[in-house]
Structures are given as structure tokens and as C-alpha cells.
Amino acid sequence: MTPELVVQLARRSFEATLLLAAPLLIFSLVVGLAISIFQAVTSINEATLAFAPKIVAVMIAMVIFFPWMMSYMSDFTREIYALIAVMRR
């Protein structure tokens, strides 16, 4: 197992983590920003107001992006299993 292989594996793992988390985080960020603007416009200072819409937005994002996330994770797992033979040398 070479240092280059370890670095490549770590890099691919970080990329996979970021790509899989990005849609959920972006949906949550957009909804949070919209709620914050709404609170600023209406002068409602309720801290718990943003939680329920964010949870709903993340659930909707999961429903929308879950097939893509699963296929990406399956492909990544297959790549890792294919590298096992290389790592044993």
C-alpha cells in the first residue's frame, strides 16, 4: 500500500462525503436564509421557528436526492472493494 494510494483514497472519501451531504446542506441553508429574512422583515424573534421548516426541507431533499445518493455510494463502495486487491500487495 503506497502513500499515493492512501492519499487518493482519503481524497475520494472526502469528495464522496461532501458530494453526498451537499444537497441536504444546500436545501437547509436556503430554507434557513428564507426564514431569517422573513423574521427580519416581520420582526419575529423566535429562535425555534426555523427548525421545523429546515427539517421538512431536508426530508424533501432526501426524497429527491436519495436515488442519486445511493447509486453514488454504491459505485464508491464498488471502487473501494476493487482496491482491496491492490491494497493487499
Protein backbone atom coordinates (compact mmCIF):
# COMPACT_ATOMS: atom_id res chain seq x y z
CA MET A 1 0.00 0.00 0.00
CA THR A 2 1.69 3.13 -1.22
CA PRO A 3 1.34 6.60 0.28
CA GLU A 4 -0.12 7.80 -3.02
CA LEU A 5 -2.89 5.20 -2.76
CA VAL A 6 -3.69 6.28 0.79
CA VAL A 7 -3.85 9.94 -0.23
CA GLN A 8 -6.04 9.09 -3.23
CA LEU A 9 -8.37 7.01 -1.05
CA ALA A 10 -8.64 9.77 1.56
CA ARG A 11 -9.27 12.37 -1.13
CA ARG A 12 -12.01 10.27 -2.77
CA SER A 13 -13.59 9.66 0.64
CA PHE A 14 -13.72 13.38 1.41
CA GLU A 15 -15.13 14.10 -2.04
CA ALA A 16 -17.82 11.47 -1.59
CA THR A 17 -18.75 12.84 1.82
CA LEU A 18 -19.02 16.40 0.52
CA LEU A 19 -21.00 15.41 -2.57
CA LEU A 20 -23.44 13.31 -0.56
CA ALA A 21 -24.00 15.97 2.08
CA ALA A 22 -24.16 18.96 -0.27
CA PRO A 23 -27.79 18.70 -1.46
CA LEU A 24 -29.13 18.37 2.07
CA LEU A 25 -26.99 21.20 3.38
CA ILE A 26 -27.89 23.48 0.49
CA PHE A 27 -31.62 22.89 0.98
CA SER A 28 -31.26 23.57 4.70
CA LEU A 29 -29.20 26.69 4.05
CA VAL A 30 -31.70 28.13 1.56
CA VAL A 31 -34.67 27.49 3.85
CA GLY A 32 -32.80 28.90 6.85
CA LEU A 33 -31.92 32.02 4.90
CA ALA A 34 -35.51 32.48 3.75
CA ILE A 35 -36.80 32.08 7.30
CA SER A 36 -34.18 34.54 8.60
CA ILE A 37 -35.20 37.13 6.02
CA PHE A 38 -38.86 36.56 6.91
CA GLN A 39 -38.07 37.01 10.61
CA ALA A 40 -36.12 40.19 9.94
CA VAL A 41 -38.91 41.65 7.82
CA THR A 42 -41.67 40.80 10.30
CA SER A 43 -39.60 41.44 13.47
CA ILE A 44 -40.41 37.97 14.78
CA ASN A 45 -37.53 36.95 17.05
CA GLU A 46 -38.41 33.31 17.65
CA ALA A 47 -35.34 31.06 17.59
CA THR A 48 -37.28 27.82 17.20
CA LEU A 49 -39.23 28.99 14.14
CA ALA A 50 -36.58 27.82 11.66
CA PHE A 51 -36.23 24.24 12.91
CA ALA A 52 -39.43 22.67 11.56
CA PRO A 53 -39.12 24.10 8.03
CA LYS A 54 -35.46 23.06 7.89
CA ILE A 55 -36.34 19.51 8.92
CA VAL A 56 -39.08 19.39 6.27
CA ALA A 57 -36.68 20.79 3.65
CA VAL A 58 -34.04 18.18 4.48
CA MET A 59 -36.65 15.41 4.31
CA ILE A 60 -37.81 16.66 0.90
CA ALA A 61 -34.19 16.83 -0.28
CA MET A 62 -33.68 13.25 0.92
CA VAL A 63 -36.70 12.07 -1.07
CA ILE A 64 -35.49 13.90 -4.17
CA PHE A 65 -31.79 13.02 -3.99
CA PHE A 66 -31.87 9.59 -2.33
CA PRO A 67 -31.70 7.55 -5.57
CA TRP A 68 -28.68 9.53 -6.76
CA MET A 69 -27.04 9.33 -3.33
CA MET A 70 -27.49 5.56 -3.19
CA SER A 71 -26.12 5.00 -6.68
CA TYR A 72 -23.12 7.23 -5.95
CA MET A 73 -22.44 5.44 -2.67
CA SER A 74 -22.83 2.03 -4.33
CA ASP A 75 -20.34 3.00 -7.04
CA PHE A 76 -17.92 4.31 -4.42
CA THR A 77 -18.22 1.11 -2.41
CA ARG A 78 -17.55 -0.98 -5.51
CA GLU A 79 -14.43 1.09 -6.18
CA ILE A 80 -13.22 0.51 -2.62
CA TYR A 81 -13.80 -3.23 -2.91
CA ALA A 82 -11.91 -3.24 -6.22
CA LEU A 83 -8.98 -1.52 -4.50
CA ILE A 84 -8.78 -4.21 -1.81
CA ALA A 85 -6.78 -6.43 -4.17
CA VAL A 86 -4.39 -3.55 -4.84
CA MET A 87 -4.06 -2.72 -1.15
CA ARG A 88 -3.08 -6.27 -0.20
CA ARG A 89 0.06 -6.16 -2.36
